[in-house]
Amino acid sequence: MTTAQTKRCASSSCREDGTLQCGKCKVIFYCSKTCQKEHWAKHKQHCSLYVPMPGGILEFLNLSREARNKVYEDLLVARYTPAQQAEHDSLINATGDPFSIRNLKDSVEERLMISPGTPLWGTEGYQPLVNARGLLHANKQISAELTSTLFTQNTFIIPVGEYFRYQITGQLFTRKLDLESLSQIKHLVISVSTQLDIKHPRHSNGVAALKHNFNHIVKSLNKLGNNLESLKIRFITCFAGRVEEMRGDIDPLLTQPTAHPVQMMRMDNTIFTFTHNNVRRFHTSGFDLADAFAGLGIPVENFEVYGDLPGEVIERLTRKFGAAAKDDTMQEYLLV
């Protein structure tokens, strides 16, 4: 290896600056010979595809598209830090309450997701874009290739809440983006968070906002014409997943007037009682979600839905997209 300018170390288990470059391709950077050796099994498959990286734009464009893609991926595809990867791996193999484990796993996976214009994990925007800003403005072809990598290979998350409404059809995030770029999104998570229970004075306003946002997302995706490789919908209420855990006891209240009421503790440690008279109102937004996404007309290869939703909604949505729910703990509620 030879000493070169600072880049990120290419080893997936390392987040250090890479000041040493591969002596053969002179494209990939490492922080040490140890990381180079660890990464060689993967890099040797592509090393010969690279040619020495010149300094100018025209010289860069002379690289093969496959070689350029490797550079773009290194810049723009989100990766875990070693600590995050270890945490994620431990949750995949964890035993215990499946709902709690899944919620913890979600919180780790969200750190790799992008929501333009929405401050998520203490930072606004997506940090690798800062590193690629020069390339984005350097050349129209390079900008298009970078944009394709960013939107097709990362997971985007749309937060949906009760206190705001998306307005412009075709726009999926709070920051306005080019429609052509948005149409390239392949992996999408819709994260619904409802904090107002049916006794809250603003509950009806919150329900209206959620319904608006569900319909907005569906209309926007239909307009954009995305071909989604994965779509995940998660629906978390003020009970933080406890409704999902108790679905087998709560669902009968929807259709059986004589079903036993179910008591549940809110996050503020007060007790709420589900009855035949109030459970459908509680699930209003869940049914609105199913009604809205019944109109989604784009291809979806892999679909997953879970959260504080009635089994009827889970079953409708999974049947609509032709996929079984991935969480085996929920299978008993999917059958009719």
C-alpha atoms as a PDB file:
ATOM      1  CA  MET A   1       0.000   0.000   0.000  1.00  0.00           C
ATOM      2  CA  THR A   2       1.014   3.593  -0.565  1.00  0.00           C
ATOM      3  CA  THR A   3       0.284   6.699   1.472  1.00  0.00           C
ATOM      4  CA  ALA A   4      -2.501   8.841   0.020  1.00  0.00           C
ATOM      5  CA  GLN A   5      -5.173  11.353   0.880  1.00  0.00           C
ATOM      6  CA  THR A   6      -7.607  10.517   3.672  1.00  0.00           C
ATOM      7  CA  LYS A   7     -10.711   8.434   2.839  1.00  0.00           C
ATOM      8  CA  ARG A   8     -12.874   6.120   4.935  1.00  0.00           C
ATOM      9  CA  CYS A   9     -11.373   2.683   5.587  1.00  0.00           C
ATOM     10  CA  ALA A  10     -13.009   0.148   3.243  1.00  0.00           C
ATOM     11  CA  SER A  11     -13.109  -2.627   5.833  1.00  0.00           C
ATOM     12  CA  SER A  12     -16.736  -3.130   6.898  1.00  0.00           C
ATOM     13  CA  SER A  13     -15.679  -3.637  10.515  1.00  0.00           C
ATOM     14  CA  CYS A  14     -13.796  -0.339  10.682  1.00  0.00           C
ATOM     15  CA  ARG A  15     -14.849   3.323  10.762  1.00  0.00           C
ATOM     16  CA  GLU A  16     -11.393   4.877  10.886  1.00  0.00           C
ATOM     17  CA  ASP A  17      -9.915   7.197   8.263  1.00  0.00           C
ATOM     18  CA  GLY A  18      -8.104   5.361   5.507  1.00  0.00           C
ATOM     19  CA  THR A  19      -4.764   6.996   4.713  1.00  0.00           C
ATOM     20  CA  LEU A  20      -3.311   4.019   2.812  1.00  0.00           C
ATOM     21  CA  GLN A  21      -4.558   2.906  -0.605  1.00  0.00           C
ATOM     22  CA  CYS A  22      -4.444  -0.445  -2.331  1.00  0.00           C
ATOM     23  CA  GLY A  23      -1.187  -0.549  -4.262  1.00  0.00           C
ATOM     24  CA  LYS A  24      -2.797  -2.293  -7.238  1.00  0.00           C
ATOM     25  CA  CYS A  25      -6.049  -0.456  -7.967  1.00  0.00           C
ATOM     26  CA  LYS A  26      -5.231   2.751  -6.027  1.00  0.00           C
ATOM     27  CA  VAL A  27      -8.973   3.287  -5.476  1.00  0.00           C
ATOM     28  CA  ILE A  28      -9.723   1.538  -2.182  1.00  0.00           C
ATOM     29  CA  PHE A  29      -8.378   2.962   1.080  1.00  0.00           C
ATOM     30  CA  TYR A  30      -7.480   1.379   4.434  1.00  0.00           C
ATOM     31  CA  CYS A  31      -6.346   2.586   7.812  1.00  0.00           C
ATOM     32  CA  SER A  32      -3.879  -0.290   8.263  1.00  0.00           C
ATOM     33  CA  LYS A  33      -2.464  -3.457   6.715  1.00  0.00           C
ATOM     34  CA  THR A  34      -4.588  -5.429   9.162  1.00  0.00           C
ATOM     35  CA  CYS A  35      -7.801  -4.014   7.701  1.00  0.00           C
ATOM     36  CA  GLN A  36      -6.500  -4.602   4.170  1.00  0.00           C
ATOM     37  CA  LYS A  37      -5.907  -8.272   4.939  1.00  0.00           C
ATOM     38  CA  GLU A  38      -9.358  -8.636   6.514  1.00  0.00           C
ATOM     39  CA  HIS A  39     -11.002  -7.010   3.483  1.00  0.00           C
ATOM     40  CA  TRP A  40      -8.963  -8.757   0.807  1.00  0.00           C
ATOM     41  CA  ALA A  41     -11.319 -11.722   0.368  1.00  0.00           C
ATOM     42  CA  LYS A  42     -14.018  -9.285  -0.713  1.00  0.00           C
ATOM     43  CA  HIS A  43     -11.855  -6.724  -2.499  1.00  0.00           C
ATOM     44  CA  LYS A  44      -9.943  -9.228  -4.643  1.00  0.00           C
ATOM     45  CA  GLN A  45     -13.147  -9.922  -6.582  1.00  0.00           C
ATOM     46  CA  HIS A  46     -13.190  -6.317  -7.805  1.00  0.00           C
ATOM     47  CA  CYS A  47      -9.615  -5.081  -7.513  1.00  0.00           C
ATOM     48  CA  SER A  48      -8.772  -5.911 -11.117  1.00  0.00           C
ATOM     49  CA  LEU A  49     -11.827  -3.964 -12.304  1.00  0.00           C
ATOM     50  CA  TYR A  50     -10.307  -0.728 -11.078  1.00  0.00           C
ATOM     51  CA  VAL A  51      -7.687   1.300 -12.811  1.00  0.00           C
ATOM     52  CA  PRO A  52      -5.566   3.922 -11.010  1.00  0.00           C
ATOM     53  CA  MET A  53      -7.805   6.836 -10.073  1.00  0.00           C
ATOM     54  CA  PRO A  54      -6.753  10.005 -11.893  1.00  0.00           C
ATOM     55  CA  GLY A  55      -7.536  13.416 -10.573  1.00  0.00           C
ATOM     56  CA  GLY A  56      -9.818  14.799 -13.275  1.00  0.00           C
ATOM     57  CA  ILE A  57     -13.511  14.260 -14.042  1.00  0.00           C
ATOM     58  CA  LEU A  58     -12.939  12.969 -17.553  1.00  0.00           C
ATOM     59  CA  GLU A  59     -10.399  10.473 -16.312  1.00  0.00           C
ATOM     60  CA  PHE A  60     -12.852   9.285 -13.636  1.00  0.00           C
ATOM     61  CA  LEU A  61     -15.533   8.777 -16.281  1.00  0.00           C
ATOM     62  CA  ASN A  62     -13.110   6.592 -18.195  1.00  0.00           C
ATOM     63  CA  LEU A  63     -13.374   4.039 -15.413  1.00  0.00           C
ATOM     64  CA  SER A  64     -15.866   1.232 -16.066  1.00  0.00           C
ATOM     65  CA  ARG A  65     -19.367   1.819 -14.708  1.00  0.00           C
ATOM     66  CA  GLU A  66     -18.858  -1.071 -12.315  1.00  0.00           C
ATOM     67  CA  ALA A  67     -15.716   0.557 -10.959  1.00  0.00           C
ATOM     68  CA  ARG A  68     -17.477   3.922 -10.591  1.00  0.00           C
ATOM     69  CA  ASN A  69     -20.354   2.221  -8.804  1.00  0.00           C
ATOM     70  CA  LYS A  70     -17.957   0.847  -6.205  1.00  0.00           C
ATOM     71  CA  VAL A  71     -16.756   4.372  -5.500  1.00  0.00           C
ATOM     72  CA  TYR A  72     -20.328   5.663  -5.251  1.00  0.00           C
ATOM     73  CA  GLU A  73     -21.336   2.859  -2.904  1.00  0.00           C
ATOM     74  CA  ASP A  74     -18.419   3.592  -0.609  1.00  0.00           C
ATOM     75  CA  LEU A  75     -19.526   7.209  -0.433  1.00  0.00           C
ATOM     76  CA  LEU A  76     -23.289   6.878  -0.163  1.00  0.00           C
ATOM     77  CA  VAL A  77     -24.503   3.485   1.033  1.00  0.00           C
ATOM     78  CA  ALA A  78     -25.209   3.574   4.761  1.00  0.00           C
ATOM     79  CA  ARG A  79     -23.238   1.173   6.943  1.00  0.00           C
ATOM     80  CA  TYR A  80     -23.250   0.235  10.604  1.00  0.00           C
ATOM     81  CA  THR A  81     -20.401   1.159  12.862  1.00  0.00           C
ATOM     82  CA  PRO A  82     -18.735  -1.920  14.369  1.00  0.00           C
ATOM     83  CA  ALA A  83     -20.629  -1.331  17.635  1.00  0.00           C
ATOM     84  CA  GLN A  84     -23.954  -1.014  15.814  1.00  0.00           C
ATOM     85  CA  GLN A  85     -23.251  -4.135  13.764  1.00  0.00           C
ATOM     86  CA  ALA A  86     -22.474  -6.098  16.908  1.00  0.00           C
ATOM     87  CA  GLU A  87     -25.654  -4.808  18.538  1.00  0.00           C
ATOM     88  CA  HIS A  88     -27.733  -5.730  15.501  1.00  0.00           C
ATOM     89  CA  ASP A  89     -26.208  -9.209  15.283  1.00  0.00           C
ATOM     90  CA  SER A  90     -26.897  -9.817  18.971  1.00  0.00           C
ATOM     91  CA  LEU A  91     -30.567  -8.900  18.505  1.00  0.00           C
ATOM     92  CA  ILE A  92     -30.937 -11.222  15.516  1.00  0.00           C
ATOM     93  CA  ASN A  93     -29.780 -14.108  17.699  1.00  0.00           C
ATOM     94  CA  ALA A  94     -31.510 -12.938  20.887  1.00  0.00           C
ATOM     95  CA  THR A  95     -34.123 -15.001  22.720  1.00  0.00           C
ATOM     96  CA  GLY A  96     -36.951 -13.719  24.875  1.00  0.00           C
ATOM     97  CA  ASP A  97     -39.928 -11.478  24.246  1.00  0.00           C
ATOM     98  CA  PRO A  98     -40.118 -11.277  20.412  1.00  0.00           C
ATOM     99  CA  PHE A  99     -41.936  -7.941  20.421  1.00  0.00           C
ATOM    100  CA  SER A 100     -39.346  -6.212  22.602  1.00  0.00           C
ATOM    101  CA  ILE A 101     -36.487  -7.698  20.590  1.00  0.00           C
ATOM    102  CA  ARG A 102     -38.043  -6.550  17.321  1.00  0.00           C
ATOM    103  CA  ASN A 103     -38.576  -3.015  18.661  1.00  0.00           C
ATOM    104  CA  LEU A 104     -34.932  -2.828  19.740  1.00  0.00           C
ATOM    105  CA  LYS A 105     -33.844  -4.163  16.348  1.00  0.00           C
ATOM    106  CA  ASP A 106     -35.963  -1.490  14.650  1.00  0.00           C
ATOM    107  CA  SER A 107     -34.251   1.250  16.648  1.00  0.00           C
ATOM    108  CA  VAL A 108     -30.841   0.026  15.475  1.00  0.00           C
ATOM    109  CA  GLU A 109     -31.884  -0.384  11.838  1.00  0.00           C
ATOM    110  CA  GLU A 110     -33.379   3.113  11.753  1.00  0.00           C
ATOM    111  CA  ARG A 111     -29.897   4.572  12.178  1.00  0.00           C
ATOM    112  CA  LEU A 112     -29.170   3.580   8.577  1.00  0.00           C
ATOM    113  CA  MET A 113     -32.386   5.043   7.177  1.00  0.00           C
ATOM    114  CA  ILE A 114     -32.793   8.369   5.399  1.00  0.00           C
ATOM    115  CA  SER A 115     -35.611  10.891   5.790  1.00  0.00           C
ATOM    116  CA  PRO A 116     -34.659  14.081   3.912  1.00  0.00           C
ATOM    117  CA  GLY A 117     -35.524  17.206   5.858  1.00  0.00           C
ATOM    118  CA  THR A 118     -36.377  15.368   9.075  1.00  0.00           C
ATOM    119  CA  PRO A 119     -33.847  15.418  11.932  1.00  0.00           C
ATOM    120  CA  LEU A 120     -33.725  11.804  13.085  1.00  0.00           C
ATOM    121  CA  TRP A 121     -30.752  10.726  15.168  1.00  0.00           C
ATOM    122  CA  GLY A 122     -29.544  14.131  16.315  1.00  0.00           C
ATOM    123  CA  THR A 123     -28.446  15.194  12.825  1.00  0.00           C
ATOM    124  CA  GLU A 124     -30.388  16.565   9.891  1.00  0.00           C
ATOM    125  CA  GLY A 125     -29.815  15.159   6.454  1.00  0.00           C
ATOM    126  CA  TYR A 126     -27.479  12.344   5.495  1.00  0.00           C
ATOM    127  CA  GLN A 127     -23.809  12.783   6.355  1.00  0.00           C
ATOM    128  CA  PRO A 128     -22.294  10.896   3.371  1.00  0.00           C
ATOM    129  CA  LEU A 129     -23.953  13.416   1.059  1.00  0.00           C
ATOM    130  CA  VAL A 130     -21.633  16.013   2.529  1.00  0.00           C
ATOM    131  CA  ASN A 131     -18.670  13.901   1.442  1.00  0.00           C
ATOM    132  CA  ALA A 132     -20.072  13.545  -2.069  1.00  0.00           C
ATOM    133  CA  ARG A 133     -21.204  17.145  -2.523  1.00  0.00           C
ATOM    134  CA  GLY A 134     -18.294  18.007  -4.789  1.00  0.00           C
ATOM    135  CA  LEU A 135     -18.990  15.060  -7.074  1.00  0.00           C
ATOM    136  CA  LEU A 136     -22.711  15.871  -7.156  1.00  0.00           C
ATOM    137  CA  HIS A 137     -21.907  19.245  -8.667  1.00  0.00           C
ATOM    138  CA  ALA A 138     -18.913  18.195 -10.726  1.00  0.00           C
ATOM    139  CA  ASN A 139     -20.594  16.631 -13.736  1.00  0.00           C
ATOM    140  CA  LYS A 140     -24.154  15.854 -14.850  1.00  0.00           C
ATOM    141  CA  GLN A 141     -23.422  12.193 -15.562  1.00  0.00           C
ATOM    142  CA  ILE A 142     -21.623  11.673 -12.250  1.00  0.00           C
ATOM    143  CA  SER A 143     -24.446  13.431 -10.412  1.00  0.00           C
ATOM    144  CA  ALA A 144     -27.027  11.130 -12.036  1.00  0.00           C
ATOM    145  CA  GLU A 145     -25.028   8.023 -11.166  1.00  0.00           C
ATOM    146  CA  LEU A 146     -24.519   9.143  -7.571  1.00  0.00           C
ATOM    147  CA  THR A 147     -28.217   9.943  -7.236  1.00  0.00           C
ATOM    148  CA  SER A 148     -29.135   6.499  -8.549  1.00  0.00           C
ATOM    149  CA  THR A 149     -26.871   4.833  -5.976  1.00  0.00           C
ATOM    150  CA  LEU A 150     -28.250   6.944  -3.133  1.00  0.00           C
ATOM    151  CA  PHE A 151     -31.918   6.316  -3.877  1.00  0.00           C
ATOM    152  CA  THR A 152     -31.796   2.680  -5.011  1.00  0.00           C
ATOM    153  CA  GLN A 153     -29.453   1.202  -2.413  1.00  0.00           C
ATOM    154  CA  ASN A 154     -30.451   2.925   0.819  1.00  0.00           C
ATOM    155  CA  THR A 155     -33.602   2.544   2.894  1.00  0.00           C
ATOM    156  CA  PHE A 156     -35.811   5.624   3.219  1.00  0.00           C
ATOM    157  CA  ILE A 157     -38.185   6.166   6.119  1.00  0.00           C
ATOM    158  CA  ILE A 158     -41.358   8.294   6.089  1.00  0.00           C
ATOM    159  CA  PRO A 159     -42.388   9.387   9.598  1.00  0.00           C
ATOM    160  CA  VAL A 160     -46.171   9.706   9.940  1.00  0.00           C
ATOM    161  CA  GLY A 161     -47.659  11.500  12.940  1.00  0.00           C
ATOM    162  CA  GLU A 162     -50.716  13.351  14.150  1.00  0.00           C
ATOM    163  CA  TYR A 163     -49.348  16.891  14.274  1.00  0.00           C
ATOM    164  CA  PHE A 164     -48.304  17.525  10.677  1.00  0.00           C
ATOM    165  CA  ARG A 165     -49.612  16.884   7.172  1.00  0.00           C
ATOM    166  CA  TYR A 166     -47.710  16.256   3.965  1.00  0.00           C
ATOM    167  CA  GLN A 167     -48.980  18.628   1.280  1.00  0.00           C
ATOM    168  CA  ILE A 168     -47.439  18.283  -2.201  1.00  0.00           C
ATOM    169  CA  THR A 169     -48.453  15.147  -4.095  1.00  0.00           C
ATOM    170  CA  GLY A 170     -45.323  13.317  -5.206  1.00  0.00           C
ATOM    171  CA  GLN A 171     -43.253  14.592  -2.276  1.00  0.00           C
ATOM    172  CA  LEU A 172     -42.650  11.922   0.362  1.00  0.00           C
ATOM    173  CA  PHE A 173     -40.559  13.927   2.819  1.00  0.00           C
ATOM    174  CA  THR A 174     -40.485  17.321   4.478  1.00  0.00           C
ATOM    175  CA  ARG A 175     -37.699  18.407   2.130  1.00  0.00           C
ATOM    176  CA  LYS A 176     -38.760  18.878  -1.488  1.00  0.00           C
ATOM    177  CA  LEU A 177     -36.800  16.632  -3.838  1.00  0.00           C
ATOM    178  CA  ASP A 178     -36.673  15.981  -7.561  1.00  0.00           C
ATOM    179  CA  LEU A 179     -39.495  13.607  -8.564  1.00  0.00           C
ATOM    180  CA  GLU A 180     -37.206  11.577 -10.816  1.00  0.00           C
ATOM    181  CA  SER A 181     -34.916  10.931  -7.859  1.00  0.00           C
ATOM    182  CA  LEU A 182     -37.795   9.973  -5.566  1.00  0.00           C
ATOM    183  CA  SER A 183     -39.116   7.538  -8.161  1.00  0.00           C
ATOM    184  CA  GLN A 184     -35.879   5.544  -7.839  1.00  0.00           C
ATOM    185  CA  ILE A 185     -36.449   4.616  -4.178  1.00  0.00           C
ATOM    186  CA  LYS A 186     -36.442   0.825  -3.807  1.00  0.00           C
ATOM    187  CA  HIS A 187     -36.605   0.331  -0.044  1.00  0.00           C
ATOM    188  CA  LEU A 188     -39.210   2.196   2.008  1.00  0.00           C
ATOM    189  CA  VAL A 189     -40.320   2.163   5.640  1.00  0.00           C
ATOM    190  CA  ILE A 190     -43.478   3.955   6.766  1.00  0.00           C
ATOM    191  CA  SER A 191     -43.278   4.562  10.499  1.00  0.00           C
ATOM    192  CA  VAL A 192     -46.624   5.551  12.036  1.00  0.00           C
ATOM    193  CA  SER A 193     -46.645   6.951  15.560  1.00  0.00           C
ATOM    194  CA  THR A 194     -49.949   7.821  17.243  1.00  0.00           C
ATOM    195  CA  GLN A 195     -49.770   9.242  20.747  1.00  0.00           C
ATOM    196  CA  LEU A 196     -53.331  10.493  21.254  1.00  0.00           C
ATOM    197  CA  ASP A 197     -55.743   7.948  22.721  1.00  0.00           C
ATOM    198  CA  ILE A 198     -59.499   8.210  22.218  1.00  0.00           C
ATOM    199  CA  LYS A 199     -60.030  10.308  25.343  1.00  0.00           C
ATOM    200  CA  HIS A 200     -57.642  13.049  24.247  1.00  0.00           C
ATOM    201  CA  PRO A 201     -59.439  16.276  23.185  1.00  0.00           C
ATOM    202  CA  ARG A 202     -57.427  16.398  19.933  1.00  0.00           C
ATOM    203  CA  HIS A 203     -57.940  12.745  19.068  1.00  0.00           C
ATOM    204  CA  SER A 204     -60.299  13.424  16.139  1.00  0.00           C
ATOM    205  CA  ASN A 205     -57.843  15.980  14.701  1.00  0.00           C
ATOM    206  CA  GLY A 206     -55.052  13.432  14.968  1.00  0.00           C
ATOM    207  CA  VAL A 207     -57.122  10.765  13.218  1.00  0.00           C
ATOM    208  CA  ALA A 208     -57.874  13.201  10.373  1.00  0.00           C
ATOM    209  CA  ALA A 209     -54.178  14.076   9.998  1.00  0.00           C
ATOM    210  CA  LEU A 210     -53.162  10.413   9.864  1.00  0.00           C
ATOM    211  CA  LYS A 211     -55.817   9.612   7.260  1.00  0.00           C
ATOM    212  CA  HIS A 212     -54.644  12.564   5.164  1.00  0.00           C
ATOM    213  CA  ASN A 213     -51.024  11.385   5.378  1.00  0.00           C
ATOM    214  CA  PHE A 214     -51.859   7.779   4.471  1.00  0.00           C
ATOM    215  CA  ASN A 215     -53.734   8.913   1.369  1.00  0.00           C
ATOM    216  CA  HIS A 216     -50.966  11.391   0.507  1.00  0.00           C
ATOM    217  CA  ILE A 217     -48.293   8.680   0.587  1.00  0.00           C
ATOM    218  CA  VAL A 218     -50.343   6.336  -1.592  1.00  0.00           C
ATOM    219  CA  LYS A 219     -51.152   9.061  -4.138  1.00  0.00           C
ATOM    220  CA  SER A 220     -47.514  10.150  -4.219  1.00  0.00           C
ATOM    221  CA  LEU A 221     -46.162   6.628  -4.742  1.00  0.00           C
ATOM    222  CA  ASN A 222     -48.710   6.000  -7.484  1.00  0.00           C
ATOM    223  CA  LYS A 223     -47.674   9.253  -9.158  1.00  0.00           C
ATOM    224  CA  LEU A 224     -43.971   8.457  -8.864  1.00  0.00           C
ATOM    225  CA  GLY A 225     -44.432   4.892 -10.087  1.00  0.00           C
ATOM    226  CA  ASN A 226     -41.807   3.345  -7.805  1.00  0.00           C
ATOM    227  CA  ASN A 227     -40.947  -0.326  -8.163  1.00  0.00           C
ATOM    228  CA  LEU A 228     -40.354  -1.209  -4.521  1.00  0.00           C
ATOM    229  CA  GLU A 229     -38.132  -4.105  -3.551  1.00  0.00           C
ATOM    230  CA  SER A 230     -39.265  -3.761   0.065  1.00  0.00           C
ATOM    231  CA  LEU A 231     -42.050  -1.932   1.885  1.00  0.00           C
ATOM    232  CA  LYS A 232     -42.423  -2.056   5.656  1.00  0.00           C
ATOM    233  CA  ILE A 233     -45.255  -0.439   7.620  1.00  0.00           C
ATOM    234  CA  ARG A 234     -45.074  -0.257  11.388  1.00  0.00           C
ATOM    235  CA  PHE A 235     -47.816   1.235  13.497  1.00  0.00           C
ATOM    236  CA  ILE A 236     -47.079   2.215  17.106  1.00  0.00           C
ATOM    237  CA  THR A 237     -49.686   3.793  19.409  1.00  0.00           C
ATOM    238  CA  CYS A 238     -49.568   5.340  22.868  1.00  0.00           C
ATOM    239  CA  PHE A 239     -49.491   1.773  24.183  1.00  0.00           C
ATOM    240  CA  ALA A 240     -46.084   1.209  22.573  1.00  0.00           C
ATOM    241  CA  GLY A 241     -46.817  -2.208  21.079  1.00  0.00           C
ATOM    242  CA  ARG A 242     -48.833  -3.666  23.949  1.00  0.00           C
ATOM    243  CA  VAL A 243     -51.980  -3.766  21.792  1.00  0.00           C
ATOM    244  CA  GLU A 244     -50.121  -5.991  19.352  1.00  0.00           C
ATOM    245  CA  GLU A 245     -49.119  -8.329  22.164  1.00  0.00           C
ATOM    246  CA  MET A 246     -52.738  -8.555  23.343  1.00  0.00           C
ATOM    247  CA  ARG A 247     -54.329  -8.732  19.879  1.00  0.00           C
ATOM    248  CA  GLY A 248     -55.794 -12.171  20.553  1.00  0.00           C
ATOM    249  CA  ASP A 249     -57.768 -10.753  23.486  1.00  0.00           C
ATOM    250  CA  ILE A 250     -58.658  -7.356  21.992  1.00  0.00           C
ATOM    251  CA  ASP A 251     -59.750  -8.393  18.469  1.00  0.00           C
ATOM    252  CA  PRO A 252     -62.864 -10.299  19.650  1.00  0.00           C
ATOM    253  CA  LEU A 253     -64.176  -7.005  21.049  1.00  0.00           C
ATOM    254  CA  LEU A 254     -64.586  -5.744  17.476  1.00  0.00           C
ATOM    255  CA  THR A 255     -67.267  -8.312  16.633  1.00  0.00           C
ATOM    256  CA  GLN A 256     -68.498  -9.804  19.919  1.00  0.00           C
ATOM    257  CA  PRO A 257     -70.527  -7.489  22.212  1.00  0.00           C
ATOM    258  CA  THR A 258     -70.204  -9.989  25.056  1.00  0.00           C
ATOM    259  CA  ALA A 259     -66.397 -10.348  24.805  1.00  0.00           C
ATOM    260  CA  HIS A 260     -64.574  -9.601  28.038  1.00  0.00           C
ATOM    261  CA  PRO A 261     -63.106  -6.061  28.343  1.00  0.00           C
ATOM    262  CA  VAL A 262     -59.322  -5.818  28.323  1.00  0.00           C
ATOM    263  CA  GLN A 263     -57.435  -3.481  30.622  1.00  0.00           C
ATOM    264  CA  MET A 264     -54.096  -2.074  29.556  1.00  0.00           C
ATOM    265  CA  MET A 265     -51.646   0.358  31.094  1.00  0.00           C
ATOM    266  CA  ARG A 266     -50.706   3.463  29.156  1.00  0.00           C
ATOM    267  CA  MET A 267     -47.145   4.735  29.085  1.00  0.00           C
ATOM    268  CA  ASP A 268     -48.090   7.272  31.784  1.00  0.00           C
ATOM    269  CA  ASN A 269     -49.058   4.340  34.046  1.00  0.00           C
ATOM    270  CA  THR A 270     -52.801   5.010  33.898  1.00  0.00           C
ATOM    271  CA  ILE A 271     -55.238   2.236  33.034  1.00  0.00           C
ATOM    272  CA  PHE A 272     -57.323   2.127  29.851  1.00  0.00           C
ATOM    273  CA  THR A 273     -60.116  -0.403  29.345  1.00  0.00           C
ATOM    274  CA  PHE A 274     -60.883  -1.713  25.844  1.00  0.00           C
ATOM    275  CA  THR A 275     -64.548  -2.587  25.354  1.00  0.00           C
ATOM    276  CA  HIS A 276     -66.826  -3.488  22.476  1.00  0.00           C
ATOM    277  CA  ASN A 277     -68.049   0.123  22.501  1.00  0.00           C
ATOM    278  CA  ASN A 278     -64.657   1.837  22.126  1.00  0.00           C
ATOM    279  CA  VAL A 279     -62.280  -0.599  20.400  1.00  0.00           C
ATOM    280  CA  ARG A 280     -63.360   0.239  16.844  1.00  0.00           C
ATOM    281  CA  ARG A 281     -62.848   3.925  17.522  1.00  0.00           C
ATOM    282  CA  PHE A 282     -59.385   3.157  18.877  1.00  0.00           C
ATOM    283  CA  HIS A 283     -58.569   1.276  15.660  1.00  0.00           C
ATOM    284  CA  THR A 284     -59.972   3.992  13.343  1.00  0.00           C
ATOM    285  CA  SER A 285     -56.548   4.952  12.005  1.00  0.00           C
ATOM    286  CA  GLY A 286     -55.623   1.314  11.492  1.00  0.00           C
ATOM    287  CA  PHE A 287     -58.660   0.803   9.275  1.00  0.00           C
ATOM    288  CA  ASP A 288     -57.896   4.100   7.498  1.00  0.00           C
ATOM    289  CA  LEU A 289     -54.396   2.772   6.807  1.00  0.00           C
ATOM    290  CA  ALA A 290     -55.785  -0.395   5.222  1.00  0.00           C
ATOM    291  CA  ASP A 291     -58.314   1.570   3.158  1.00  0.00           C
ATOM    292  CA  ALA A 292     -55.630   3.934   1.844  1.00  0.00           C
ATOM    293  CA  PHE A 293     -53.077   1.269   0.927  1.00  0.00           C
ATOM    294  CA  ALA A 294     -55.743  -0.782  -0.814  1.00  0.00           C
ATOM    295  CA  GLY A 295     -55.300   1.837  -3.550  1.00  0.00           C
ATOM    296  CA  LEU A 296     -51.526   1.450  -3.895  1.00  0.00           C
ATOM    297  CA  GLY A 297     -50.922   0.415  -7.491  1.00  0.00           C
ATOM    298  CA  ILE A 298     -47.149   0.005  -7.699  1.00  0.00           C
ATOM    299  CA  PRO A 299     -45.225  -3.313  -7.574  1.00  0.00           C
ATOM    300  CA  VAL A 300     -44.026  -4.379  -4.099  1.00  0.00           C
ATOM    301  CA  GLU A 301     -41.667  -7.346  -3.975  1.00  0.00           C
ATOM    302  CA  ASN A 302     -41.381  -7.830  -0.196  1.00  0.00           C
ATOM    303  CA  PHE A 303     -43.956  -6.543   2.262  1.00  0.00           C
ATOM    304  CA  GLU A 304     -44.118  -6.455   6.053  1.00  0.00           C
ATOM    305  CA  VAL A 305     -46.628  -4.861   8.417  1.00  0.00           C
ATOM    306  CA  TYR A 306     -46.883  -4.970  12.201  1.00  0.00           C
ATOM    307  CA  GLY A 307     -47.777  -2.957  15.263  1.00  0.00           C
ATOM    308  CA  ASP A 308     -50.855  -1.971  17.245  1.00  0.00           C
ATOM    309  CA  LEU A 309     -53.257  -2.937  14.480  1.00  0.00           C
ATOM    310  CA  PRO A 310     -56.241  -5.312  14.448  1.00  0.00           C
ATOM    311  CA  GLY A 311     -55.695  -8.694  12.847  1.00  0.00           C
ATOM    312  CA  GLU A 312     -58.194  -7.779  10.127  1.00  0.00           C
ATOM    313  CA  VAL A 313     -55.965  -4.923   8.951  1.00  0.00           C
ATOM    314  CA  ILE A 314     -52.824  -7.075   9.055  1.00  0.00           C
ATOM    315  CA  GLU A 315     -54.580  -9.746   6.998  1.00  0.00           C
ATOM    316  CA  ARG A 316     -56.008  -7.269   4.465  1.00  0.00           C
ATOM    317  CA  LEU A 317     -52.658  -5.652   3.818  1.00  0.00           C
ATOM    318  CA  THR A 318     -50.647  -8.855   3.558  1.00  0.00           C
ATOM    319  CA  ARG A 319     -53.256 -10.320   1.211  1.00  0.00           C
ATOM    320  CA  LYS A 320     -53.187  -7.140  -0.882  1.00  0.00           C
ATOM    321  CA  PHE A 321     -49.444  -7.364  -1.424  1.00  0.00           C
ATOM    322  CA  GLY A 322     -49.356 -11.130  -1.781  1.00  0.00           C
ATOM    323  CA  ALA A 323     -46.982 -11.784   1.118  1.00  0.00           C
ATOM    324  CA  ALA A 324     -47.199 -13.474   4.494  1.00  0.00           C
ATOM    325  CA  ALA A 325     -46.136 -11.544   7.568  1.00  0.00           C
ATOM    326  CA  LYS A 326     -42.516 -12.220   8.437  1.00  0.00           C
ATOM    327  CA  ASP A 327     -43.049 -12.258  12.196  1.00  0.00           C
ATOM    328  CA  ASP A 328     -44.008 -15.856  13.034  1.00  0.00           C
ATOM    329  CA  THR A 329     -45.361 -14.762  16.418  1.00  0.00           C
ATOM    330  CA  MET A 330     -48.200 -13.004  14.589  1.00  0.00           C
ATOM    331  CA  GLN A 331     -49.312 -15.881  12.352  1.00  0.00           C
ATOM    332  CA  GLU A 332     -52.192 -16.958  14.571  1.00  0.00           C
ATOM    333  CA  TYR A 333     -53.851 -13.607  14.008  1.00  0.00           C
ATOM    334  CA  LEU A 334     -53.521 -13.636  10.235  1.00  0.00           C
ATOM    335  CA  LEU A 335     -55.912 -16.491   9.577  1.00  0.00           C
ATOM    336  CA  VAL A 336     -59.625 -16.019   8.930  1.00  0.00           C
END
